[in-house]
PDB file of N, CA and C in Angstrom:
ATOM      1  N   UNK A   1      -7.210  14.176 -22.664  1.00  0.00           N
ATOM      2  CA  UNK A   1      -7.643  13.040 -21.886  1.00  0.00           C
ATOM      3  C   UNK A   1      -7.047  13.133 -20.479  1.00  0.00           C
ATOM      4  N   UNK A   2      -7.885  13.005 -19.467  1.00  0.00           N
ATOM      5  CA  UNK A   2      -7.458  13.124 -18.075  1.00  0.00           C
ATOM      6  C   UNK A   2      -6.801  11.829 -17.604  1.00  0.00           C
ATOM      7  N   UNK A   3      -5.628  11.962 -17.002  1.00  0.00           N
ATOM      8  CA  UNK A   3      -4.906  10.801 -16.481  1.00  0.00           C
ATOM      9  C   UNK A   3      -5.416  10.479 -15.085  1.00  0.00           C
ATOM     10  N   UNK A   4      -5.726   9.209 -14.846  1.00  0.00           N
ATOM     11  CA  UNK A   4      -6.194   8.781 -13.537  1.00  0.00           C
ATOM     12  C   UNK A   4      -5.019   8.656 -12.577  1.00  0.00           C
ATOM     13  N   UNK A   5      -5.258   9.021 -11.337  1.00  0.00           N
ATOM     14  CA  UNK A   5      -4.248   8.874 -10.299  1.00  0.00           C
ATOM     15  C   UNK A   5      -4.515   7.563  -9.570  1.00  0.00           C
ATOM     16  N   UNK A   6      -3.837   6.503  -9.979  1.00  0.00           N
ATOM     17  CA  UNK A   6      -4.050   5.175  -9.402  1.00  0.00           C
ATOM     18  C   UNK A   6      -2.897   4.813  -8.481  1.00  0.00           C
ATOM     19  N   UNK A   7      -3.211   4.013  -7.473  1.00  0.00           N
ATOM     20  CA  UNK A   7      -2.166   3.470  -6.619  1.00  0.00           C
ATOM     21  C   UNK A   7      -1.296   2.532  -7.460  1.00  0.00           C
ATOM     22  N   UNK A   8      -0.052   2.318  -7.009  1.00  0.00           N
ATOM     23  CA  UNK A   8       0.866   1.487  -7.790  1.00  0.00           C
ATOM     24  C   UNK A   8       0.328   0.098  -8.057  1.00  0.00           C
ATOM     25  N   UNK A   9      -0.358  -0.514  -7.061  1.00  0.00           N
ATOM     26  CA  UNK A   9      -0.835  -1.882  -7.271  1.00  0.00           C
ATOM     27  C   UNK A   9      -1.980  -1.950  -8.268  1.00  0.00           C
ATOM     28  N   UNK A  10      -2.503  -0.799  -8.687  1.00  0.00           N
ATOM     29  CA  UNK A  10      -3.563  -0.773  -9.688  1.00  0.00           C
ATOM     30  C   UNK A  10      -3.011  -0.494 -11.084  1.00  0.00           C
ATOM     31  N   UNK A  11      -1.734  -0.214 -11.195  1.00  0.00           N
ATOM     32  CA  UNK A  11      -1.134   0.105 -12.473  1.00  0.00           C
ATOM     33  C   UNK A  11      -0.563  -1.147 -13.127  1.00  0.00           C
ATOM     34  N   UNK A  12      -0.728  -1.287 -14.430  1.00  0.00           N
ATOM     35  CA  UNK A  12      -0.194  -2.458 -15.134  1.00  0.00           C
ATOM     36  C   UNK A  12       1.316  -2.571 -14.948  1.00  0.00           C
ATOM     37  N   UNK A  13       1.798  -3.793 -14.756  1.00  0.00           N
ATOM     38  CA  UNK A  13       3.223  -4.028 -14.636  1.00  0.00           C
ATOM     39  C   UNK A  13       3.760  -3.953 -13.221  1.00  0.00           C
ATOM     40  N   UNK A  14       2.991  -3.463 -12.294  1.00  0.00           N
ATOM     41  CA  UNK A  14       3.456  -3.334 -10.919  1.00  0.00           C
ATOM     42  C   UNK A  14       2.984  -4.482 -10.047  1.00  0.00           C
ATOM     43  N   UNK A  15       2.031  -5.251 -10.512  1.00  0.00           N
ATOM     44  CA  UNK A  15       1.484  -6.348  -9.721  1.00  0.00           C
ATOM     45  C   UNK A  15       2.285  -7.618  -9.970  1.00  0.00           C
ATOM     46  N   UNK A  16       2.857  -8.177  -8.914  1.00  0.00           N
ATOM     47  CA  UNK A  16       3.613  -9.414  -9.012  1.00  0.00           C
ATOM     48  C   UNK A  16       2.667 -10.603  -9.062  1.00  0.00           C
ATOM     49  N   UNK A  17       3.003 -11.573  -9.856  1.00  0.00           N
ATOM     50  CA  UNK A  17       2.263 -12.832  -9.890  1.00  0.00           C
ATOM     51  C   UNK A  17       3.282 -13.939  -9.662  1.00  0.00           C
ATOM     52  N   UNK A  18       3.167 -14.592  -8.508  1.00  0.00           N
ATOM     53  CA  UNK A  18       4.075 -15.684  -8.187  1.00  0.00           C
ATOM     54  C   UNK A  18       3.381 -17.008  -8.457  1.00  0.00           C
ATOM     55  N   UNK A  19       4.050 -17.868  -9.178  1.00  0.00           N
ATOM     56  CA  UNK A  19       3.565 -19.224  -9.424  1.00  0.00           C
ATOM     57  C   UNK A  19       4.253 -20.156  -8.441  1.00  0.00           C
ATOM     58  N   UNK A  20       3.775 -21.369  -8.336  1.00  0.00           N
ATOM     59  CA  UNK A  20       4.342 -22.318  -7.374  1.00  0.00           C
ATOM     60  C   UNK A  20       5.860 -22.395  -7.505  1.00  0.00           C
ATOM     61  N   UNK A  21       6.516 -22.259  -6.398  1.00  0.00           N
ATOM     62  CA  UNK A  21       7.953 -22.359  -6.219  1.00  0.00           C
ATOM     63  C   UNK A  21       8.725 -21.171  -6.797  1.00  0.00           C
ATOM     64  N   UNK A  22       8.023 -20.046  -6.962  1.00  0.00           N
ATOM     65  CA  UNK A  22       8.698 -18.798  -7.307  1.00  0.00           C
ATOM     66  C   UNK A  22       8.802 -17.958  -6.036  1.00  0.00           C
ATOM     67  N   UNK A  23       9.879 -17.182  -5.945  1.00  0.00           N
ATOM     68  CA  UNK A  23      10.146 -16.390  -4.747  1.00  0.00           C
ATOM     69  C   UNK A  23      10.323 -14.926  -5.122  1.00  0.00           C
ATOM     70  N   UNK A  24       9.925 -14.063  -4.203  1.00  0.00           N
ATOM     71  CA  UNK A  24      10.182 -12.631  -4.349  1.00  0.00           C
ATOM     72  C   UNK A  24      10.769 -12.141  -3.038  1.00  0.00           C
ATOM     73  N   UNK A  25      11.815 -11.327  -3.119  1.00  0.00           N
ATOM     74  CA  UNK A  25      12.437 -10.752  -1.934  1.00  0.00           C
ATOM     75  C   UNK A  25      12.363  -9.233  -2.059  1.00  0.00           C
ATOM     76  N   UNK A  26      11.865  -8.597  -1.015  1.00  0.00           N
ATOM     77  CA  UNK A  26      11.766  -7.148  -1.014  1.00  0.00           C
ATOM     78  C   UNK A  26      11.434  -6.628   0.371  1.00  0.00           C
ATOM     79  N   UNK A  27      11.505  -5.310   0.518  1.00  0.00           N
ATOM     80  CA  UNK A  27      11.188  -4.676   1.798  1.00  0.00           C
ATOM     81  C   UNK A  27       9.713  -4.306   1.813  1.00  0.00           C
ATOM     82  N   UNK A  28       8.986  -4.863   2.771  1.00  0.00           N
ATOM     83  CA  UNK A  28       7.548  -4.636   2.893  1.00  0.00           C
ATOM     84  C   UNK A  28       7.306  -3.225   3.405  1.00  0.00           C
ATOM     85  N   UNK A  29       6.763  -2.364   2.553  1.00  0.00           N
ATOM     86  CA  UNK A  29       6.533  -0.971   2.916  1.00  0.00           C
ATOM     87  C   UNK A  29       5.160  -0.755   3.526  1.00  0.00           C
ATOM     88  N   UNK A  30       4.162  -1.493   3.050  1.00  0.00           N
ATOM     89  CA  UNK A  30       2.803  -1.262   3.518  1.00  0.00           C
ATOM     90  C   UNK A  30       1.929  -2.461   3.190  1.00  0.00           C
ATOM     91  N   UNK A  31       0.819  -2.520   3.878  1.00  0.00           N
ATOM     92  CA  UNK A  31      -0.225  -3.501   3.579  1.00  0.00           C
ATOM     93  C   UNK A  31      -1.430  -2.691   3.147  1.00  0.00           C
ATOM     94  N   UNK A  32      -1.827  -2.855   1.910  1.00  0.00           N
ATOM     95  CA  UNK A  32      -2.900  -2.041   1.350  1.00  0.00           C
ATOM     96  C   UNK A  32      -4.157  -2.870   1.151  1.00  0.00           C
ATOM     97  N   UNK A  33      -5.301  -2.194   1.264  1.00  0.00           N
ATOM     98  CA  UNK A  33      -6.583  -2.852   1.016  1.00  0.00           C
ATOM     99  C   UNK A  33      -7.349  -2.053  -0.024  1.00  0.00           C
ATOM    100  N   UNK A  34      -7.968  -2.763  -0.947  1.00  0.00           N
ATOM    101  CA  UNK A  34      -8.775  -2.147  -1.986  1.00  0.00           C
ATOM    102  C   UNK A  34      -9.992  -3.038  -2.189  1.00  0.00           C
ATOM    103  N   UNK A  35     -11.152  -2.585  -1.753  1.00  0.00           N
ATOM    104  CA  UNK A  35     -12.369  -3.393  -1.757  1.00  0.00           C
ATOM    105  C   UNK A  35     -12.117  -4.664  -0.957  1.00  0.00           C
ATOM    106  N   UNK A  36     -12.255  -5.830  -1.553  1.00  0.00           N
ATOM    107  CA  UNK A  36     -12.031  -7.076  -0.820  1.00  0.00           C
ATOM    108  C   UNK A  36     -10.658  -7.672  -1.115  1.00  0.00           C
ATOM    109  N   UNK A  37      -9.775  -6.906  -1.739  1.00  0.00           N
ATOM    110  CA  UNK A  37      -8.427  -7.372  -2.071  1.00  0.00           C
ATOM    111  C   UNK A  37      -7.423  -6.788  -1.085  1.00  0.00           C
ATOM    112  N   UNK A  38      -6.389  -7.555  -0.762  1.00  0.00           N
ATOM    113  CA  UNK A  38      -5.306  -7.096   0.079  1.00  0.00           C
ATOM    114  C   UNK A  38      -3.993  -7.246  -0.687  1.00  0.00           C
ATOM    115  N   UNK A  39      -3.075  -6.318  -0.444  1.00  0.00           N
ATOM    116  CA  UNK A  39      -1.811  -6.300  -1.167  1.00  0.00           C
ATOM    117  C   UNK A  39      -0.654  -6.035  -0.219  1.00  0.00           C
ATOM    118  N   UNK A  40       0.472  -6.660  -0.494  1.00  0.00           N
ATOM    119  CA  UNK A  40       1.727  -6.251   0.109  1.00  0.00           C
ATOM    120  C   UNK A  40       2.305  -5.231  -0.853  1.00  0.00           C
ATOM    121  N   UNK A  41       2.628  -4.055  -0.370  1.00  0.00           N
ATOM    122  CA  UNK A  41       3.276  -3.031  -1.188  1.00  0.00           C
ATOM    123  C   UNK A  41       4.743  -2.962  -0.762  1.00  0.00           C
ATOM    124  N   UNK A  42       5.638  -3.059  -1.728  1.00  0.00           N
ATOM    125  CA  UNK A  42       7.067  -3.093  -1.455  1.00  0.00           C
ATOM    126  C   UNK A  42       7.714  -1.755  -1.790  1.00  0.00           C
ATOM    127  N   UNK A  43       8.874  -1.501  -1.192  1.00  0.00           N
ATOM    128  CA  UNK A  43       9.583  -0.233  -1.394  1.00  0.00           C
ATOM    129  C   UNK A  43       9.937   0.031  -2.844  1.00  0.00           C
ATOM    130  N   UNK A  44      10.126  -1.026  -3.643  1.00  0.00           N
ATOM    131  CA  UNK A  44      10.488  -0.829  -5.053  1.00  0.00           C
ATOM    132  C   UNK A  44       9.280  -0.537  -5.937  1.00  0.00           C
ATOM    133  N   UNK A  45       8.104  -0.397  -5.324  1.00  0.00           N
ATOM    134  CA  UNK A  45       6.897  -0.069  -6.075  1.00  0.00           C
ATOM    135  C   UNK A  45       6.102  -1.278  -6.525  1.00  0.00           C
ATOM    136  N   UNK A  46       6.621  -2.464  -6.348  1.00  0.00           N
ATOM    137  CA  UNK A  46       5.897  -3.681  -6.722  1.00  0.00           C
ATOM    138  C   UNK A  46       4.839  -3.989  -5.656  1.00  0.00           C
ATOM    139  N   UNK A  47       3.844  -4.752  -6.040  1.00  0.00           N
ATOM    140  CA  UNK A  47       2.790  -5.159  -5.114  1.00  0.00           C
ATOM    141  C   UNK A  47       2.425  -6.611  -5.397  1.00  0.00           C
ATOM    142  N   UNK A  48       1.975  -7.303  -4.352  1.00  0.00           N
ATOM    143  CA  UNK A  48       1.581  -8.705  -4.453  1.00  0.00           C
ATOM    144  C   UNK A  48       0.224  -8.859  -3.785  1.00  0.00           C
ATOM    145  N   UNK A  49      -0.755  -9.347  -4.535  1.00  0.00           N
ATOM    146  CA  UNK A  49      -2.077  -9.594  -3.958  1.00  0.00           C
ATOM    147  C   UNK A  49      -1.991 -10.825  -3.067  1.00  0.00           C
ATOM    148  N   UNK A  50      -2.564 -10.721  -1.874  1.00  0.00           N
ATOM    149  CA  UNK A  50      -2.457 -11.809  -0.905  1.00  0.00           C
ATOM    150  C   UNK A  50      -3.814 -12.146  -0.301  1.00  0.00           C
ATOM    151  N   UNK A  51      -3.998 -13.380   0.148  1.00  0.00           N
ATOM    152  CA  UNK A  51      -5.206 -13.745   0.876  1.00  0.00           C
ATOM    153  C   UNK A  51      -5.252 -13.023   2.233  1.00  0.00           C
ATOM    154  N   UNK A  52      -6.432 -12.701   2.703  1.00  0.00           N
ATOM    155  CA  UNK A  52      -6.614 -11.944   3.944  1.00  0.00           C
ATOM    156  C   UNK A  52      -5.991 -12.620   5.157  1.00  0.00           C
ATOM    157  N   UNK A  53      -5.929 -13.939   5.174  1.00  0.00           N
ATOM    158  CA  UNK A  53      -5.416 -14.629   6.360  1.00  0.00           C
ATOM    159  C   UNK A  53      -3.929 -14.362   6.630  1.00  0.00           C
ATOM    160  N   UNK A  54      -3.214 -13.782   5.678  1.00  0.00           N
ATOM    161  CA  UNK A  54      -1.794 -13.498   5.879  1.00  0.00           C
ATOM    162  C   UNK A  54      -1.547 -12.127   6.506  1.00  0.00           C
ATOM    163  N   UNK A  55      -2.564 -11.294   6.580  1.00  0.00           N
ATOM    164  CA  UNK A  55      -2.398  -9.927   7.078  1.00  0.00           C
ATOM    165  C   UNK A  55      -1.857  -9.906   8.504  1.00  0.00           C
ATOM    166  N   UNK A  56      -2.468 -10.654   9.407  1.00  0.00           N
ATOM    167  CA  UNK A  56      -2.037 -10.630  10.805  1.00  0.00           C
ATOM    168  C   UNK A  56      -0.612 -11.137  10.983  1.00  0.00           C
ATOM    169  N   UNK A  57      -0.168 -12.037  10.121  1.00  0.00           N
ATOM    170  CA  UNK A  57       1.184 -12.593  10.232  1.00  0.00           C
ATOM    171  C   UNK A  57       2.278 -11.576   9.921  1.00  0.00           C
ATOM    172  N   UNK A  58       1.949 -10.528   9.188  1.00  0.00           N
ATOM    173  CA  UNK A  58       3.004  -9.615   8.731  1.00  0.00           C
ATOM    174  C   UNK A  58       2.889  -8.195   9.262  1.00  0.00           C
ATOM    175  N   UNK A  59       1.863  -7.898  10.015  1.00  0.00           N
ATOM    176  CA  UNK A  59       1.712  -6.522  10.508  1.00  0.00           C
ATOM    177  C   UNK A  59       2.939  -6.036  11.266  1.00  0.00           C
ATOM    178  N   UNK A  60       3.557  -6.908  12.045  1.00  0.00           N
ATOM    179  CA  UNK A  60       4.709  -6.498  12.853  1.00  0.00           C
ATOM    180  C   UNK A  60       6.014  -6.480  12.073  1.00  0.00           C
ATOM    181  N   UNK A  61       6.023  -6.897  10.820  1.00  0.00           N
ATOM    182  CA  UNK A  61       7.275  -6.895  10.050  1.00  0.00           C
ATOM    183  C   UNK A  61       7.276  -5.885   8.909  1.00  0.00           C
ATOM    184  N   UNK A  62       6.397  -4.876   8.990  1.00  0.00           N
ATOM    185  CA  UNK A  62       6.455  -3.811   7.992  1.00  0.00           C
ATOM    186  C   UNK A  62       7.816  -3.133   8.074  1.00  0.00           C
ATOM    187  N   UNK A  63       8.289  -2.651   6.953  1.00  0.00           N
ATOM    188  CA  UNK A  63       9.595  -2.005   6.834  1.00  0.00           C
ATOM    189  C   UNK A  63      10.744  -2.977   7.098  1.00  0.00           C
ATOM    190  N   UNK A  64      10.498  -4.245   6.833  1.00  0.00           N
ATOM    191  CA  UNK A  64      11.495  -5.296   6.992  1.00  0.00           C
ATOM    192  C   UNK A  64      11.654  -6.010   5.657  1.00  0.00           C
ATOM    193  N   UNK A  65      12.855  -6.432   5.355  1.00  0.00           N
ATOM    194  CA  UNK A  65      13.096  -7.203   4.136  1.00  0.00           C
ATOM    195  C   UNK A  65      12.592  -8.624   4.353  1.00  0.00           C
ATOM    196  N   UNK A  66      11.720  -9.083   3.450  1.00  0.00           N
ATOM    197  CA  UNK A  66      11.127 -10.413   3.573  1.00  0.00           C
ATOM    198  C   UNK A  66      11.280 -11.194   2.271  1.00  0.00           C
ATOM    199  N   UNK A  67      11.181 -12.500   2.414  1.00  0.00           N
ATOM    200  CA  UNK A  67      11.140 -13.398   1.256  1.00  0.00           C
ATOM    201  C   UNK A  67       9.778 -14.064   1.258  1.00  0.00           C
ATOM    202  N   UNK A  68       9.148 -14.114   0.095  1.00  0.00           N
ATOM    203  CA  UNK A  68       7.851 -14.760  -0.056  1.00  0.00           C
ATOM    204  C   UNK A  68       8.014 -15.868  -1.080  1.00  0.00           C
ATOM    205  N   UNK A  69       7.686 -17.075  -0.681  1.00  0.00           N
ATOM    206  CA  UNK A  69       7.769 -18.231  -1.563  1.00  0.00           C
ATOM    207  C   UNK A  69       6.360 -18.754  -1.808  1.00  0.00           C
ATOM    208  N   UNK A  70       5.960 -18.816  -3.073  1.00  0.00           N
ATOM    209  CA  UNK A  70       4.671 -19.408  -3.431  1.00  0.00           C
ATOM    210  C   UNK A  70       4.865 -20.914  -3.564  1.00  0.00           C
ATOM    211  N   UNK A  71       3.917 -21.687  -3.020  1.00  0.00           N
ATOM    212  CA  UNK A  71       4.018 -23.142  -3.097  1.00  0.00           C
ATOM    213  C   UNK A  71       2.719 -23.726  -3.643  1.00  0.00           C
ATOM    214  N   UNK A  72       2.731 -25.024  -3.849  1.00  0.00           N
ATOM    215  CA  UNK A  72       1.502 -25.725  -4.220  1.00  0.00           C
ATOM    216  C   UNK A  72       1.047 -26.622  -3.069  1.00  0.00           C
ATOM    217  N   UNK A  73       1.484 -26.306  -1.857  1.00  0.00           N
ATOM    218  CA  UNK A  73       1.112 -27.072  -0.668  1.00  0.00           C
ATOM    219  C   UNK A  73      -0.214 -26.544  -0.132  1.00  0.00           C
ATOM    220  N   UNK A  74      -1.246 -27.369  -0.054  1.00  0.00           N
ATOM    221  CA  UNK A  74      -2.533 -26.901   0.468  1.00  0.00           C
ATOM    222  C   UNK A  74      -2.392 -26.346   1.894  1.00  0.00           C
ATOM    223  N   UNK A  75      -2.936 -25.169   2.105  1.00  0.00           N
ATOM    224  CA  UNK A  75      -2.862 -24.521   3.399  1.00  0.00           C
ATOM    225  C   UNK A  75      -1.585 -23.732   3.632  1.00  0.00           C
ATOM    226  N   UNK A  76      -0.619 -23.860   2.750  1.00  0.00           N
ATOM    227  CA  UNK A  76       0.654 -23.123   2.845  1.00  0.00           C
ATOM    228  C   UNK A  76       1.029 -22.574   1.476  1.00  0.00           C
ATOM    229  N   UNK A  77       0.086 -21.886   0.862  1.00  0.00           N
ATOM    230  CA  UNK A  77       0.315 -21.378  -0.494  1.00  0.00           C
ATOM    231  C   UNK A  77       1.386 -20.301  -0.538  1.00  0.00           C
ATOM    232  N   UNK A  78       1.547 -19.555   0.562  1.00  0.00           N
ATOM    233  CA  UNK A  78       2.605 -18.554   0.661  1.00  0.00           C
ATOM    234  C   UNK A  78       3.395 -18.796   1.936  1.00  0.00           C
ATOM    235  N   UNK A  79       4.710 -18.846   1.808  1.00  0.00           N
ATOM    236  CA  UNK A  79       5.581 -18.936   2.970  1.00  0.00           C
ATOM    237  C   UNK A  79       6.323 -17.605   3.056  1.00  0.00           C
ATOM    238  N   UNK A  80       6.255 -16.960   4.222  1.00  0.00           N
ATOM    239  CA  UNK A  80       6.832 -15.642   4.402  1.00  0.00           C
ATOM    240  C   UNK A  80       7.861 -15.699   5.521  1.00  0.00           C
ATOM    241  N   UNK A  81       9.039 -15.120   5.232  1.00  0.00           N
ATOM    242  CA  UNK A  81      10.115 -15.174   6.219  1.00  0.00           C
ATOM    243  C   UNK A  81      10.938 -13.902   6.126  1.00  0.00           C
ATOM    244  N   UNK A  82      11.404 -13.418   7.270  1.00  0.00           N
ATOM    245  CA  UNK A  82      12.327 -12.296   7.259  1.00  0.00           C
ATOM    246  C   UNK A  82      13.629 -12.746   6.621  1.00  0.00           C
ATOM    247  N   UNK A  83      14.219 -11.909   5.785  1.00  0.00           N
ATOM    248  CA  UNK A  83      15.483 -12.235   5.147  1.00  0.00           C
ATOM    249  C   UNK A  83      16.585 -12.178   6.205  1.00  0.00           C
ATOM    250  N   UNK A  84      17.419 -13.204   6.232  1.00  0.00           N
ATOM    251  CA  UNK A  84      18.490 -13.304   7.213  1.00  0.00           C
ATOM    252  C   UNK A  84      18.084 -14.074   8.444  1.00  0.00           C
ATOM    253  N   UNK A  85      16.794 -14.376   8.569  1.00  0.00           N
ATOM    254  CA  UNK A  85      16.304 -15.147   9.703  1.00  0.00           C
ATOM    255  C   UNK A  85      16.617 -16.608   9.475  1.00  0.00           C
ATOM    256  N   UNK A  86      16.986 -17.334  10.521  1.00  0.00           N
ATOM    257  CA  UNK A  86      17.258 -18.764  10.392  1.00  0.00           C
ATOM    258  C   UNK A  86      16.330 -19.549  11.294  1.00  0.00           C
ATOM    259  N   UNK A  87      16.050 -20.780  10.902  1.00  0.00           N
ATOM    260  CA  UNK A  87      15.254 -21.682  11.738  1.00  0.00           C
ATOM    261  C   UNK A  87      16.168 -22.250  12.817  1.00  0.00           C
ATOM    262  N   UNK A  88      15.626 -22.337  14.015  1.00  0.00           N
ATOM    263  CA  UNK A  88      16.429 -22.900  15.110  1.00  0.00           C
ATOM    264  C   UNK A  88      15.749 -24.102  15.679  1.00  0.00           C
TER     265      UNK A  88
END
């Protein structure tokens, strides 16, 4: 049987699912696209499917450690922040 060569975000167990008020912290390695889906790919091999509107917000922070908080706030379902960054 031939083994398929799939990207990490297509392999079982590598896709993160965040529920409201769950957080994930990791270094953003890449932003991947597959058909109409977009993913944050992290250095540890994990991936998180994200809505397209978040792509422009994170292009400049690739290779940076970030925290992603899932919420139940309409219009702010994901809050993304550089780790170590403070609000002023």
